[in-house]
Amino acid sequence: MFDIEKAMETDEEKAAADEHAFGGSWTLIKLDALEKYLSAFNTALSRQGFTRIYIDGFAGTGRCDISVKGEKSSVDGSVRRALRASPPFHKLCFIELEAQKIAALRALQSEHHDKRIEVIRDDANATLKYICRTYDWKNTRAVLFLDPCGMHVEWSTLEAIAATGAVDVWYLFPYYGLYRQAANKADALDANKKKSLTRILGTDAWRQEFYAPQRQSDLFGKEGGDVRESNHRDMLEFVSARLSGIFPAVAKPKILYQAGDSKRPGGAPLFALYFAAANPKRSAHGLAIKIATEVLNSL
């Protein structure tokens, strides 16, 4: 019998490996969503007295190599799109750990003398926690883009972001990573996988949520270990519930697939593009969610 979940996991692993070299149609979708929101965000706040900041937690180089239907090309990445946002941001903060990417960001910084740009070489989790803890959020509003390579965003980082009450977040959640790490049998979960799942979800309650005792014994009458009963959609609902527990408002995520486009997706689900607003004021996060939802629906 064809095992669709096993096939999906195989597709995800192949896509995850390919992604390090080339993005795909999902890359264009996430970047278009971000760019549209940045324009709307700055327009909505342009007549208010807030300092507007763009923060990129995994900034890259400013360019993205993509492969769509076998055709390879290079497109502007998130930082270049943020730089051309109109109205402009008062400040842009680019965080990156790799030296080669930092060099590209500094070159980009030198090309935009008219803009206030800060390039930081550090772990995104550490830097974001520092920013969230030290910035004057009473007079500042920000859009944060989290596009990690793998399961690198700690739950404690998301909690720090939510605590600002002032940051709008676009988070490309590693859907394929969650599904791949949560093996079909709990016995196959090694210490690293367990740690990874707990780090990204902020709780070990996923074990009780995703797994249940095996209902049938084996041929020798021996009881098996716990097996995963949650499918990938159930697991993503758990993620959505977790995010809604710390952010005042979270939009329904847009699932990005391995192939096809937004209207006609194909292959395995790779990512879940989330938008969350930290502002506790209903008027503020209500508008943010409305704009983000319109953006996601337009793609």
Protein backbone atom coordinates (compact mmCIF):
# COMPACT_ATOMS: atom_id res chain seq x y z
CA MET A 1 0.00 0.00 0.00
CA PHE A 2 1.28 3.49 -0.88
CA ASP A 3 2.24 5.39 2.26
CA ILE A 4 1.43 9.03 1.52
CA GLU A 5 2.93 10.30 4.76
CA LYS A 6 6.20 8.45 4.13
CA ALA A 7 6.31 9.79 0.59
CA MET A 8 5.64 13.27 1.89
CA GLU A 9 8.50 12.96 4.36
CA THR A 10 10.83 11.86 1.56
CA ASP A 11 9.75 14.82 -0.58
CA GLU A 12 10.34 17.16 2.34
CA GLU A 13 13.85 15.86 2.93
CA LYS A 14 14.75 16.32 -0.74
CA ALA A 15 13.26 19.79 -0.81
CA ALA A 16 15.00 20.76 2.43
CA ALA A 17 18.35 19.74 0.96
CA ASP A 18 17.68 21.58 -2.32
CA GLU A 19 16.60 24.73 -0.49
CA HIS A 20 20.12 25.39 0.75
CA ALA A 21 21.18 25.95 -2.86
CA PHE A 22 17.98 27.22 -4.46
CA GLY A 23 14.62 28.44 -3.34
CA GLY A 24 11.48 27.80 -5.32
CA SER A 25 8.01 29.13 -5.97
CA TRP A 26 7.47 29.36 -2.22
CA THR A 27 10.33 31.88 -2.06
CA LEU A 28 8.49 34.31 -4.32
CA ILE A 29 5.26 33.89 -2.35
CA LYS A 30 6.83 34.70 1.02
CA LEU A 31 8.79 37.66 -0.38
CA ASP A 32 5.77 39.11 -2.17
CA ALA A 33 3.72 38.81 1.04
CA LEU A 34 6.40 40.61 3.04
CA GLU A 35 6.87 43.39 0.50
CA LYS A 36 3.17 44.12 0.24
CA TYR A 37 2.81 44.24 4.00
CA LEU A 38 5.78 46.56 4.49
CA SER A 39 4.23 49.13 2.20
CA ALA A 40 0.86 48.89 3.93
CA PHE A 41 2.47 49.02 7.39
CA ASN A 42 4.44 52.18 6.69
CA THR A 43 1.49 53.83 5.01
CA ALA A 44 -0.80 53.07 7.96
CA LEU A 45 1.69 54.45 10.50
CA SER A 46 3.14 57.31 8.45
CA ARG A 47 0.95 59.94 10.11
CA GLN A 48 1.69 58.70 13.61
CA GLY A 49 4.71 59.63 15.70
CA PHE A 50 6.25 56.19 15.96
CA THR A 51 9.75 55.33 14.88
CA ARG A 52 9.30 52.55 12.32
CA ILE A 53 11.88 49.77 12.18
CA TYR A 54 12.35 46.76 9.94
CA ILE A 55 14.19 43.80 11.48
CA ASP A 56 15.42 40.79 9.51
CA GLY A 57 16.42 37.92 11.78
CA PHE A 58 18.07 35.79 9.08
CA ALA A 59 18.97 38.46 6.57
CA GLY A 60 21.04 36.50 4.04
CA THR A 61 22.77 38.50 1.31
CA GLY A 62 19.96 40.55 -0.17
CA ARG A 63 19.52 38.22 -3.15
CA CYS A 64 17.87 34.80 -3.50
CA ASP A 65 18.61 32.12 -6.06
CA ILE A 66 15.46 30.29 -7.07
CA SER A 67 14.53 27.44 -9.38
CA VAL A 68 10.97 27.36 -10.71
CA LYS A 69 9.95 24.72 -13.27
CA GLY A 70 13.60 24.02 -13.98
CA GLU A 71 14.44 27.66 -14.72
CA LYS A 72 17.00 29.25 -12.40
CA SER A 73 17.08 32.95 -11.62
CA SER A 74 18.10 35.44 -8.97
CA VAL A 75 15.61 37.76 -7.27
CA ASP A 76 15.71 40.49 -4.65
CA GLY A 77 15.55 39.08 -1.14
CA SER A 78 13.86 40.44 1.95
CA VAL A 79 16.43 43.10 2.85
CA ARG A 80 16.41 44.70 -0.60
CA ARG A 81 12.63 44.75 -0.58
CA ALA A 82 12.64 46.38 2.83
CA LEU A 83 15.14 48.99 1.62
CA ARG A 84 12.80 50.06 -1.17
CA ALA A 85 9.67 50.15 1.00
CA SER A 86 7.61 53.27 0.45
CA PRO A 87 7.09 55.13 2.70
CA PRO A 88 10.54 54.17 4.02
CA PHE A 89 11.46 52.81 7.43
CA HIS A 90 13.34 55.06 9.84
CA LYS A 91 15.77 52.25 10.59
CA LEU A 92 16.60 48.80 9.24
CA CYS A 93 18.32 46.10 11.26
CA PHE A 94 19.85 43.12 9.45
CA ILE A 95 20.95 40.14 11.55
CA GLU A 96 23.12 37.41 10.09
CA LEU A 97 25.64 34.91 11.44
CA GLU A 98 27.62 33.83 8.37
CA ALA A 99 30.67 35.97 7.55
CA GLN A 100 30.20 35.80 3.77
CA LYS A 101 26.61 37.00 4.04
CA ILE A 102 27.62 39.74 6.45
CA ALA A 103 30.09 41.01 3.85
CA ALA A 104 27.31 41.20 1.27
CA LEU A 105 25.08 43.06 3.71
CA ARG A 106 27.80 45.57 4.53
CA ALA A 107 28.33 46.19 0.83
CA LEU A 108 24.61 46.80 0.51
CA GLN A 109 24.78 49.12 3.51
CA SER A 110 27.48 51.19 1.81
CA GLU A 111 25.23 51.61 -1.23
CA HIS A 112 22.49 53.24 0.85
CA HIS A 113 24.12 56.12 2.69
CA ASP A 114 20.76 57.85 2.93
CA LYS A 115 19.33 55.09 5.12
CA ARG A 116 19.96 54.19 8.73
CA ILE A 117 21.06 50.57 8.53
CA GLU A 118 22.50 48.40 11.28
CA VAL A 119 24.21 45.13 10.32
CA ILE A 120 24.71 42.71 13.20
CA ARG A 121 26.71 39.51 13.07
CA ASP A 122 25.29 37.27 15.77
CA ASP A 123 22.87 34.48 16.53
CA ALA A 124 19.38 35.71 15.70
CA ASN A 125 17.83 34.40 18.91
CA ALA A 126 20.32 36.24 21.13
CA THR A 127 20.14 39.50 19.19
CA LEU A 128 16.36 39.53 18.94
CA LYS A 129 15.98 38.97 22.67
CA TYR A 130 18.35 41.86 23.28
CA ILE A 131 16.45 44.14 20.91
CA CYS A 132 13.13 43.20 22.44
CA ARG A 133 14.47 43.88 25.91
CA THR A 134 16.21 47.22 25.26
CA TYR A 135 14.29 49.14 22.58
CA ASP A 136 11.82 51.87 23.52
CA TRP A 137 8.63 50.13 22.40
CA LYS A 138 6.44 52.91 23.71
CA ASN A 139 7.55 55.07 20.81
CA THR A 140 8.64 52.40 18.33
CA ARG A 141 6.84 49.98 16.04
CA ALA A 142 8.49 47.26 14.00
CA VAL A 143 8.02 44.57 11.39
CA LEU A 144 10.15 41.47 11.94
CA PHE A 145 10.82 38.85 9.30
CA LEU A 146 11.84 35.40 10.53
CA ASP A 147 13.00 33.14 7.73
CA PRO A 148 15.24 30.57 9.43
CA CYS A 149 17.14 27.79 7.75
CA GLY A 150 15.58 24.92 9.66
CA MET A 151 14.28 24.82 13.21
CA HIS A 152 16.39 27.62 14.63
CA VAL A 153 13.85 30.02 16.12
CA GLU A 154 13.56 29.36 19.84
CA TRP A 155 10.15 29.61 21.48
CA SER A 156 11.67 31.91 24.10
CA THR A 157 12.52 34.31 21.26
CA LEU A 158 8.89 34.38 20.15
CA GLU A 159 7.84 35.05 23.73
CA ALA A 160 10.24 38.00 23.90
CA ILE A 161 8.83 39.38 20.65
CA ALA A 162 5.24 39.03 21.87
CA ALA A 163 6.16 40.78 25.13
CA THR A 164 7.13 43.98 23.29
CA GLY A 165 3.51 44.70 22.44
CA ALA A 166 4.80 46.54 19.40
CA VAL A 167 6.16 44.12 16.78
CA ASP A 168 4.42 42.59 13.78
CA VAL A 169 5.99 39.25 12.82
CA TRP A 170 6.15 37.31 9.59
CA TYR A 171 7.40 33.84 10.48
CA LEU A 172 8.20 31.21 7.88
CA PHE A 173 7.61 28.21 10.10
CA PRO A 174 9.52 25.05 9.05
CA TYR A 175 6.49 22.82 8.54
CA TYR A 176 8.56 20.08 6.89
CA GLY A 177 11.04 20.17 9.76
CA LEU A 178 8.31 19.66 12.34
CA TYR A 179 6.86 16.74 10.45
CA ARG A 180 10.24 15.16 9.77
CA GLN A 181 11.49 15.42 13.33
CA ALA A 182 8.32 13.88 14.80
CA ALA A 183 8.96 10.27 13.78
CA ASN A 184 6.09 7.83 13.35
CA LYS A 185 7.23 5.89 16.41
CA ALA A 186 8.25 7.61 19.61
CA ASP A 187 11.07 5.13 20.10
CA ALA A 188 12.73 6.62 17.02
CA LEU A 189 12.94 10.04 18.65
CA ASP A 190 16.51 10.55 19.80
CA ALA A 191 17.54 13.19 22.31
CA ASN A 192 18.35 15.76 19.62
CA LYS A 193 14.97 15.43 17.92
CA LYS A 194 13.15 15.77 21.23
CA LYS A 195 15.20 18.81 22.14
CA SER A 196 14.61 20.38 18.74
CA LEU A 197 10.83 19.92 18.95
CA THR A 198 10.66 21.29 22.47
CA ARG A 199 12.85 24.27 21.58
CA ILE A 200 10.70 25.31 18.63
CA LEU A 201 7.35 24.63 20.34
CA GLY A 202 8.25 25.84 23.81
CA THR A 203 6.82 22.81 25.59
CA ASP A 204 7.19 19.06 25.76
CA ALA A 205 3.41 18.71 25.65
CA TRP A 206 3.82 17.79 21.97
CA ARG A 207 4.64 14.28 23.17
CA GLN A 208 1.16 13.78 24.64
CA GLU A 209 -0.46 15.71 21.81
CA PHE A 210 1.16 13.87 18.92
CA TYR A 211 1.64 10.37 20.34
CA ALA A 212 -0.50 7.66 21.92
CA PRO A 213 0.16 4.08 23.11
CA GLN A 214 0.14 1.54 20.30
CA ARG A 215 -3.28 -0.07 20.25
CA GLN A 216 -2.22 -3.51 19.04
CA SER A 217 0.53 -5.84 20.20
CA ASP A 218 2.98 -7.41 17.78
CA LEU A 219 2.97 -11.02 16.57
CA PHE A 220 4.54 -12.17 19.81
CA GLY A 221 2.01 -10.43 22.02
CA LYS A 222 4.45 -7.72 23.04
CA GLU A 223 3.08 -4.23 23.48
CA GLY A 224 4.66 -1.65 21.20
CA GLY A 225 5.79 1.83 22.14
CA ASP A 226 3.92 5.05 21.51
CA VAL A 227 3.02 5.89 17.92
CA ARG A 228 2.23 9.19 16.31
CA GLU A 229 -1.50 9.57 15.77
CA SER A 230 -1.48 13.24 14.76
CA ASN A 231 -1.15 13.89 11.04
CA HIS A 232 0.76 16.87 9.72
CA ARG A 233 -2.36 19.08 9.73
CA ASP A 234 -3.08 18.26 13.38
CA MET A 235 0.49 19.13 14.24
CA LEU A 236 0.23 22.51 12.53
CA GLU A 237 -2.98 23.25 14.42
CA PHE A 238 -0.98 22.65 17.60
CA VAL A 239 1.57 25.22 16.41
CA SER A 240 -1.20 27.73 15.65
CA ALA A 241 -2.70 27.24 19.10
CA ARG A 242 0.70 27.74 20.73
CA LEU A 243 1.29 31.00 18.84
CA SER A 244 -2.21 32.24 19.69
CA GLY A 245 -1.37 31.64 23.33
CA ILE A 246 1.34 34.33 23.35
CA PHE A 247 0.36 36.78 20.59
CA PRO A 248 -2.85 38.84 20.80
CA ALA A 249 -3.62 38.06 17.16
CA VAL A 250 -2.43 35.41 14.69
CA ALA A 251 -3.57 35.10 11.08
CA LYS A 252 -4.38 31.74 9.54
CA PRO A 253 -1.09 30.51 8.05
CA LYS A 254 -0.55 30.14 4.34
CA ILE A 255 0.89 26.74 3.48
CA LEU A 256 3.73 26.86 0.96
CA TYR A 257 4.33 23.75 -1.10
CA GLN A 258 7.27 22.15 -2.82
CA ALA A 259 6.01 22.80 -6.34
CA GLY A 260 3.39 24.69 -8.30
CA ASP A 261 2.23 28.16 -7.37
CA SER A 262 -0.01 29.63 -4.71
CA LYS A 263 -3.20 28.83 -6.61
CA ARG A 264 -2.14 25.40 -7.89
CA PRO A 265 0.30 23.95 -5.34
CA GLY A 266 1.96 20.60 -5.74
CA GLY A 267 4.22 18.27 -3.82
CA ALA A 268 4.73 18.23 -0.08
CA PRO A 269 3.92 21.14 2.26
CA LEU A 270 7.25 22.74 3.16
CA PHE A 271 6.46 25.84 5.16
CA ALA A 272 3.65 27.63 6.97
CA LEU A 273 3.81 31.40 6.56
CA TYR A 274 2.48 32.92 9.78
CA PHE A 275 1.66 36.50 10.63
CA ALA A 276 1.32 37.53 14.27
CA ALA A 277 0.77 40.91 15.88
CA ALA A 278 2.12 41.70 19.34
CA ASN A 279 0.16 44.90 19.94
CA PRO A 280 -2.51 44.17 22.59
CA LYS A 281 -4.77 47.01 21.43
CA ARG A 282 -7.66 45.57 19.46
CA SER A 283 -7.72 48.50 17.03
CA ALA A 284 -4.02 48.01 16.26
CA HIS A 285 -3.80 44.25 15.91
CA GLY A 286 -7.20 44.14 14.23
CA LEU A 287 -5.94 46.38 11.45
CA ALA A 288 -2.67 44.45 11.20
CA ILE A 289 -4.47 41.12 10.86
CA LYS A 290 -6.87 42.58 8.31
CA ILE A 291 -4.00 43.83 6.14
CA ALA A 292 -1.99 40.62 6.50
CA THR A 293 -4.99 38.45 5.66
CA GLU A 294 -5.73 40.52 2.57
CA VAL A 295 -2.09 40.18 1.53
CA LEU A 296 -2.09 36.40 2.01
CA ASN A 297 -5.38 36.00 0.17
CA SER A 298 -4.09 38.04 -2.76
CA LEU A 299 -1.16 35.72 -3.44
